[in-house]
Amino acid sequence: MTNKLIDFRSDTVTQPTFAMRAAMQEAKLGDDVFGDDPSVNALQEQIAAMLGFEAALFVPTGTQSNLCAILSHCQRGDEYIVGQQAHCYRWEGGGAAVFGSVQPQPLAHQADGTLALADIEAAIKPDDAHFARSRLLALENTLGGKLLPFDYVQAATQLAKSKGLNRHLDGARLFNAAVAQAAQTGSDAHTEARRIAECFDSVSVCFSKGLGAPIGSALCGSHDFIARAHRIRKMAGGGMRQSGLLAAAASHALDHHIARLALDHALAQRLAEGLAGIAGLQVEAPQTNIVFVDLSGAAKAQSAALLKHLADQGIQATGLYRLRFVTHLDVDVDGVDRAVAAIRQFFQTRG
């Protein structure tokens, strides 16, 4: 019997659960371009209330959500301050610059994923015709699986506000951050998600990563902000018709899949501990559901061979710039233990 495929490439590879499929099947539908899809409207009201905002907008992707946010906060000739590794700068095709003529001002990250407050302040341009107008600070939480410390989030967003900048959070994995933060505070994930969100003028949340929905993100903000974002969504081709099928999946995820993210975090920790001590591997201790592994010394040139070895055993991972393993609702203890055993076998056979 062939072993079940274990896919660690991303938490975007999850399949809808049977209960989620049932919720989709039963969804009440309308035409969301006309604003009358009841399932979309319910989702938008649900996520806005959950995070403490006036309104929300359901969009097909997190990339489009961030684009709508930046172009709603900024005009042509403005700039947004952002980290070098932030998704909305590095991994989204330069959309804000291409479509909106909004200049990014990327900053280097500190080891914990933060941007130094002094670097943020120094990057804010004076009101002078020589410079783009600094309008927005964009942070991401989690960033590469790292939880931004809450006192830092408060300090950075307060600095931005004091300098007249708007504040946007790419919270693609906001609920992973909230679950990890709740473990520190003894609170619950819903409370911590709202505490994080309240530091920002807008927040983007992805439903198709750890929450397990097939498609969709939401952008949250004020009524006026969402009205501007709605217009940009239309221009970007994001107006969907009977999208309540997808919204129902997202609502199901919010109702049933937040607390279980703690299981993904525990499995990432199990994977990291299982790989500890293997010669040639440097394992970054995970804070949420992403484990990064660097190959060093003689093992450094064996990345491609290791990935092929895993693939031959029905285990998928990525190695674009570092080896990355992401746990999610379709990965279980057996899958993690199979990966650990396969990696150990690979290095044992190469002495």
Protein backbone atom coordinates (compact mmCIF):
# COMPACT_ATOMS: atom_id res chain seq x y z
CA MET A 1 0.00 0.00 0.00
CA THR A 2 1.40 3.42 -1.00
CA ASN A 3 2.03 5.79 1.86
CA LYS A 4 -0.22 8.83 2.02
CA LEU A 5 1.30 11.94 0.44
CA ILE A 6 2.52 14.38 3.09
CA ASP A 7 2.69 17.93 1.77
CA PHE A 8 4.77 20.37 3.83
CA ARG A 9 5.15 22.93 1.02
CA SER A 10 2.65 25.37 2.50
CA ASP A 11 -0.53 25.62 4.55
CA THR A 12 -2.16 26.76 1.30
CA VAL A 13 -2.36 23.14 0.10
CA THR A 14 -5.10 22.14 2.55
CA GLN A 15 -8.25 20.48 1.28
CA PRO A 16 -11.67 21.55 2.58
CA THR A 17 -12.93 19.25 5.33
CA PHE A 18 -16.19 17.35 4.86
CA ALA A 19 -17.88 19.75 7.28
CA MET A 20 -16.60 22.73 5.32
CA ARG A 21 -17.84 21.21 2.06
CA ALA A 22 -21.25 20.76 3.66
CA ALA A 23 -21.29 24.41 4.71
CA MET A 24 -20.45 25.41 1.14
CA GLN A 25 -23.19 23.17 -0.24
CA GLU A 26 -25.76 24.78 2.07
CA ALA A 27 -24.64 28.39 1.51
CA LYS A 28 -27.28 30.93 0.61
CA LEU A 29 -26.21 32.78 -2.52
CA GLY A 30 -26.73 36.06 -4.32
CA ASP A 31 -24.69 38.28 -6.62
CA ASP A 32 -21.91 39.90 -4.61
CA VAL A 33 -21.18 42.49 -7.30
CA PHE A 34 -24.67 43.80 -6.55
CA GLY A 35 -23.92 43.41 -2.85
CA ASP A 36 -26.69 40.91 -2.24
CA ASP A 37 -24.88 37.63 -1.53
CA PRO A 38 -26.00 36.91 2.05
CA SER A 39 -23.12 34.55 2.81
CA VAL A 40 -20.52 37.11 1.71
CA ASN A 41 -22.24 39.86 3.68
CA ALA A 42 -22.37 37.63 6.76
CA LEU A 43 -18.66 36.79 6.48
CA GLN A 44 -17.71 40.46 6.09
CA GLU A 45 -19.74 41.38 9.15
CA GLN A 46 -18.32 38.44 11.09
CA ILE A 47 -14.63 39.18 10.50
CA ALA A 48 -15.05 42.95 10.93
CA ALA A 49 -16.77 42.46 14.30
CA MET A 50 -14.24 39.83 15.37
CA LEU A 51 -11.31 42.20 14.77
CA GLY A 52 -13.02 45.42 15.90
CA PHE A 53 -13.48 47.21 12.57
CA GLU A 54 -16.44 48.96 11.00
CA ALA A 55 -16.41 46.98 7.75
CA ALA A 56 -14.67 44.31 5.70
CA LEU A 57 -14.30 43.29 2.08
CA PHE A 58 -14.09 39.69 0.83
CA VAL A 59 -11.48 39.31 -1.93
CA PRO A 60 -10.13 36.31 -3.88
CA THR A 61 -6.52 36.45 -2.62
CA GLY A 62 -4.26 37.93 0.01
CA THR A 63 -2.21 39.58 -2.72
CA GLN A 64 -5.28 41.44 -3.94
CA SER A 65 -6.21 42.32 -0.36
CA ASN A 66 -2.82 43.92 0.25
CA LEU A 67 -2.98 45.71 -3.10
CA CYS A 68 -6.41 47.13 -2.30
CA ALA A 69 -5.13 48.23 1.11
CA ILE A 70 -2.00 50.00 -0.12
CA LEU A 71 -3.80 51.74 -2.97
CA SER A 72 -6.59 52.81 -0.61
CA HIS A 73 -4.11 54.32 1.85
CA CYS A 74 -1.76 55.84 -0.74
CA GLN A 75 -1.93 57.86 -3.95
CA ARG A 76 0.46 58.17 -6.89
CA GLY A 77 3.77 59.55 -5.65
CA ASP A 78 3.25 58.26 -2.11
CA GLU A 79 5.35 55.56 -0.47
CA TYR A 80 4.86 52.81 2.04
CA ILE A 81 7.51 51.70 4.53
CA VAL A 82 7.86 47.93 4.65
CA GLY A 83 10.27 45.10 5.46
CA GLN A 84 12.58 43.56 2.86
CA GLN A 85 11.02 40.14 3.46
CA ALA A 86 7.42 41.32 3.75
CA HIS A 87 5.07 39.50 1.41
CA CYS A 88 3.45 42.69 0.09
CA TYR A 89 6.87 43.96 -0.99
CA ARG A 90 8.89 40.91 -1.99
CA TRP A 91 6.41 38.27 -3.11
CA GLU A 92 3.53 40.12 -4.78
CA GLY A 93 5.03 41.15 -8.10
CA GLY A 94 5.56 44.80 -7.15
CA GLY A 95 1.83 45.39 -7.56
CA ALA A 96 1.60 48.63 -5.60
CA ALA A 97 4.34 50.18 -7.74
CA VAL A 98 3.11 48.69 -11.02
CA PHE A 99 -0.61 49.40 -10.65
CA GLY A 100 -0.63 52.34 -8.26
CA SER A 101 2.66 54.19 -8.73
CA VAL A 102 3.18 53.81 -4.99
CA GLN A 103 6.85 53.54 -4.07
CA PRO A 104 7.97 50.96 -1.52
CA GLN A 105 10.64 51.94 1.00
CA PRO A 106 11.99 48.55 2.13
CA LEU A 107 13.90 48.22 5.41
CA ALA A 108 16.10 45.42 6.74
CA HIS A 109 14.57 43.15 9.35
CA GLN A 110 16.03 42.50 12.75
CA ALA A 111 16.67 38.87 13.72
CA ASP A 112 13.22 38.59 15.31
CA GLY A 113 11.46 39.85 12.17
CA THR A 114 10.84 43.36 13.44
CA LEU A 115 11.86 46.63 11.80
CA ALA A 116 13.98 48.78 14.10
CA LEU A 117 11.99 51.76 15.33
CA ALA A 118 14.93 54.03 14.55
CA ASP A 119 14.99 52.72 10.98
CA ILE A 120 11.27 53.37 10.56
CA GLU A 121 11.60 56.92 11.86
CA ALA A 122 14.64 57.61 9.68
CA ALA A 123 12.80 56.36 6.58
CA ILE A 124 9.92 58.84 6.96
CA LYS A 125 10.56 61.57 4.42
CA PRO A 126 10.26 65.28 5.14
CA ASP A 127 7.58 67.25 3.31
CA ASP A 128 9.78 68.24 0.39
CA ALA A 129 9.26 68.01 -3.36
CA HIS A 130 12.42 65.94 -3.70
CA PHE A 131 10.82 62.98 -1.92
CA ALA A 132 7.93 60.63 -2.27
CA ARG A 133 5.29 61.30 0.39
CA SER A 134 5.55 58.82 3.30
CA ARG A 135 1.99 57.66 3.92
CA LEU A 136 1.93 54.12 5.29
CA LEU A 137 3.71 51.62 7.51
CA ALA A 138 3.02 48.00 6.49
CA LEU A 139 3.87 45.18 8.92
CA GLU A 140 3.32 41.43 8.65
CA ASN A 141 2.40 39.10 11.52
CA THR A 142 3.42 36.34 11.48
CA LEU A 143 6.50 36.94 9.32
CA GLY A 144 8.15 33.74 8.14
CA GLY A 145 6.41 32.01 11.00
CA LYS A 146 7.76 34.47 13.57
CA LEU A 147 5.38 36.20 15.99
CA LEU A 148 6.03 39.93 16.20
CA PRO A 149 6.23 40.82 19.91
CA PHE A 150 3.07 42.65 20.89
CA ASP A 151 4.89 45.46 22.70
CA TYR A 152 6.84 46.04 19.48
CA VAL A 153 3.64 46.09 17.39
CA GLN A 154 2.22 48.71 19.76
CA ALA A 155 5.39 50.80 19.66
CA ALA A 156 5.84 50.66 15.88
CA THR A 157 2.24 51.50 15.07
CA GLN A 158 2.16 54.30 17.64
CA LEU A 159 5.33 55.75 16.11
CA ALA A 160 3.73 55.63 12.67
CA LYS A 161 0.55 57.28 13.95
CA SER A 162 2.51 60.03 15.69
CA LYS A 163 4.23 60.81 12.37
CA GLY A 164 0.95 60.94 10.44
CA LEU A 165 1.30 57.56 8.74
CA ASN A 166 -1.50 55.06 8.26
CA ARG A 167 -0.86 51.52 9.47
CA HIS A 168 -1.62 48.30 7.58
CA LEU A 169 -1.17 44.74 8.78
CA ASP A 170 -0.67 41.86 6.39
CA GLY A 171 -2.23 39.33 8.72
CA ALA A 172 -2.25 36.43 6.27
CA ARG A 173 -1.50 34.24 9.31
CA LEU A 174 -2.98 36.60 11.91
CA PHE A 175 -4.69 33.76 13.74
CA ASN A 176 -1.45 31.78 13.95
CA ALA A 177 0.02 34.88 15.58
CA ALA A 178 -3.00 35.16 17.88
CA VAL A 179 -2.78 31.51 18.96
CA ALA A 180 0.95 31.87 19.70
CA GLN A 181 0.37 35.14 21.57
CA ALA A 182 -2.47 33.60 23.55
CA ALA A 183 -0.11 30.84 24.68
CA GLN A 184 2.14 33.56 26.12
CA THR A 185 -0.58 35.60 27.81
CA GLY A 186 -2.91 32.85 28.97
CA SER A 187 -5.72 34.53 27.05
CA ASP A 188 -7.59 33.19 24.03
CA ALA A 189 -6.90 33.55 20.31
CA HIS A 190 -9.96 35.69 19.59
CA THR A 191 -8.93 38.23 22.21
CA GLU A 192 -5.33 38.35 21.00
CA ALA A 193 -6.33 38.66 17.34
CA ARG A 194 -8.42 41.70 18.20
CA ARG A 195 -5.66 43.22 20.35
CA ILE A 196 -3.24 42.94 17.43
CA ALA A 197 -5.75 44.26 14.90
CA GLU A 198 -6.67 47.28 17.01
CA CYS A 199 -3.14 48.64 16.50
CA PHE A 200 -3.80 49.13 12.77
CA ASP A 201 -6.01 51.14 10.43
CA SER A 202 -6.46 48.12 8.16
CA VAL A 203 -5.86 44.39 8.41
CA SER A 204 -5.77 41.69 5.74
CA VAL A 205 -6.64 38.14 6.85
CA CYS A 206 -6.20 35.02 4.72
CA PHE A 207 -8.66 32.14 5.01
CA SER A 208 -6.84 29.74 2.67
CA LYS A 209 -3.73 29.10 4.76
CA GLY A 210 -3.90 27.53 8.20
CA LEU A 211 -7.63 28.14 8.49
CA GLY A 212 -8.12 25.66 5.66
CA ALA A 213 -10.58 27.37 3.32
CA PRO A 214 -10.00 26.84 -0.41
CA ILE A 215 -9.94 30.50 -1.46
CA GLY A 216 -10.25 33.98 -0.07
CA SER A 217 -9.05 36.78 2.17
CA ALA A 218 -10.74 39.69 3.89
CA LEU A 219 -9.62 43.30 4.19
CA CYS A 220 -10.89 45.11 7.28
CA GLY A 221 -11.05 48.85 7.98
CA SER A 222 -13.36 51.83 8.34
CA HIS A 223 -16.46 52.28 6.19
CA ASP A 224 -14.74 54.94 4.09
CA PHE A 225 -11.58 52.88 3.68
CA ILE A 226 -13.52 49.78 2.59
CA ALA A 227 -15.52 51.87 0.11
CA ARG A 228 -12.24 52.91 -1.54
CA ALA A 229 -10.96 49.33 -1.43
CA HIS A 230 -14.18 48.09 -3.03
CA ARG A 231 -13.59 50.32 -6.04
CA ILE A 232 -10.01 49.07 -6.37
CA ARG A 233 -11.16 45.46 -6.05
CA LYS A 234 -13.45 46.06 -9.01
CA MET A 235 -10.61 47.53 -11.11
CA ALA A 236 -8.38 44.59 -10.16
CA GLY A 237 -10.96 42.09 -11.36
CA GLY A 238 -11.88 40.90 -7.88
CA GLY A 239 -15.64 41.32 -8.14
CA MET A 240 -17.13 37.83 -7.94
CA ARG A 241 -20.73 36.76 -8.38
CA GLN A 242 -22.12 33.86 -6.29
CA SER A 243 -19.02 33.92 -4.10
CA GLY A 244 -21.03 32.93 -1.04
CA LEU A 245 -19.86 29.37 -1.74
CA LEU A 246 -16.36 30.54 -0.83
CA ALA A 247 -17.48 32.87 1.95
CA ALA A 248 -19.31 30.00 3.63
CA ALA A 249 -16.05 28.04 3.72
CA ALA A 250 -14.30 31.01 5.30
CA SER A 251 -17.04 31.48 7.90
CA HIS A 252 -16.82 27.78 8.76
CA ALA A 253 -13.07 28.17 9.20
CA LEU A 254 -13.52 31.11 11.56
CA ASP A 255 -16.04 29.13 13.58
CA HIS A 256 -14.15 25.83 13.76
CA HIS A 257 -10.48 26.08 12.77
CA ILE A 258 -8.89 28.82 14.88
CA ALA A 259 -8.27 26.93 18.13
CA ARG A 260 -6.91 23.90 16.26
CA LEU A 261 -4.00 25.99 14.93
CA ALA A 262 -2.31 25.14 18.23
CA LEU A 263 -2.04 21.56 16.93
CA ASP A 264 -0.15 22.79 13.87
CA HIS A 265 2.24 24.69 16.12
CA ALA A 266 2.81 21.59 18.26
CA LEU A 267 3.53 19.50 15.17
CA ALA A 268 6.05 22.06 13.92
CA GLN A 269 7.78 21.84 17.30
CA ARG A 270 7.76 18.04 17.07
CA LEU A 271 9.34 18.21 13.62
CA ALA A 272 12.05 20.63 14.76
CA GLU A 273 12.88 18.48 17.79
CA GLY A 274 13.02 15.38 15.62
CA LEU A 275 15.56 17.01 13.30
CA ALA A 276 17.73 18.38 16.11
CA GLY A 277 21.19 16.91 16.28
CA ILE A 278 21.47 15.77 12.66
CA ALA A 279 24.93 16.73 11.45
CA GLY A 280 24.79 19.30 8.71
CA LEU A 281 21.34 20.65 9.65
CA GLN A 282 20.64 23.91 11.41
CA VAL A 283 17.02 23.98 12.53
CA GLU A 284 15.37 27.26 13.45
CA ALA A 285 13.12 26.77 16.45
CA PRO A 286 9.56 27.40 15.24
CA GLN A 287 7.24 29.87 16.92
CA THR A 288 4.15 28.85 14.95
CA ASN A 289 3.65 26.40 12.06
CA ILE A 290 6.74 26.98 9.89
CA VAL A 291 10.06 25.21 10.32
CA PHE A 292 13.12 26.51 8.44
CA VAL A 293 16.12 24.24 7.99
CA ASP A 294 19.53 25.31 6.69
CA LEU A 295 22.11 22.86 5.36
CA SER A 296 25.68 23.63 6.31
CA GLY A 297 29.16 22.25 5.72
CA ALA A 298 29.34 19.21 3.46
CA ALA A 299 25.54 18.93 3.49
CA LYS A 300 25.06 22.35 1.94
CA ALA A 301 25.20 21.06 -1.63
CA GLN A 302 22.70 18.28 -0.95
CA SER A 303 19.51 20.33 -0.76
CA ALA A 304 18.15 19.19 -4.14
CA ALA A 305 19.06 15.56 -3.43
CA LEU A 306 17.33 15.71 -0.05
CA LEU A 307 14.16 17.14 -1.57
CA LYS A 308 14.17 14.40 -4.23
CA HIS A 309 14.72 11.75 -1.56
CA LEU A 310 11.71 13.06 0.34
CA ALA A 311 9.59 13.28 -2.80
CA ASP A 312 10.42 9.65 -3.63
CA GLN A 313 8.92 8.74 -0.25
CA GLY A 314 5.78 10.80 -0.75
CA ILE A 315 6.94 13.81 1.28
CA GLN A 316 6.92 17.28 -0.27
CA ALA A 317 8.75 20.36 0.98
CA THR A 318 10.23 23.49 -0.58
CA GLY A 319 13.76 24.76 -0.86
CA LEU A 320 13.52 28.04 -2.74
CA TYR A 321 16.07 29.75 -0.49
CA ARG A 322 15.98 27.60 2.66
CA LEU A 323 14.31 24.29 3.33
CA ARG A 324 10.82 25.04 4.62
CA PHE A 325 8.30 22.72 6.22
CA VAL A 326 4.81 24.01 7.01
CA THR A 327 2.37 22.11 9.20
CA HIS A 328 -1.39 22.41 8.70
CA LEU A 329 -4.65 20.54 9.14
CA ASP A 330 -3.74 17.90 6.56
CA VAL A 331 -0.50 16.99 8.37
CA ASP A 332 -0.62 14.69 11.38
CA VAL A 333 1.81 13.12 13.86
CA ASP A 334 2.48 10.18 11.53
CA GLY A 335 3.36 12.56 8.68
CA VAL A 336 5.80 14.50 10.85
CA ASP A 337 7.44 11.32 12.11
CA ARG A 338 7.73 9.98 8.54
CA ALA A 339 9.50 13.17 7.50
CA VAL A 340 11.92 13.00 10.41
CA ALA A 341 12.71 9.34 9.69
CA ALA A 342 13.23 10.01 5.97
CA ILE A 343 15.59 12.93 6.61
CA ARG A 344 17.58 10.95 9.16
CA GLN A 345 17.82 8.06 6.71
CA PHE A 346 19.09 10.39 3.98
CA PHE A 347 21.99 11.64 6.08
CA GLN A 348 22.79 8.21 7.56
CA THR A 349 23.22 6.71 4.11
CA ARG A 350 25.61 9.52 3.18
CA GLY A 351 27.71 8.97 6.26
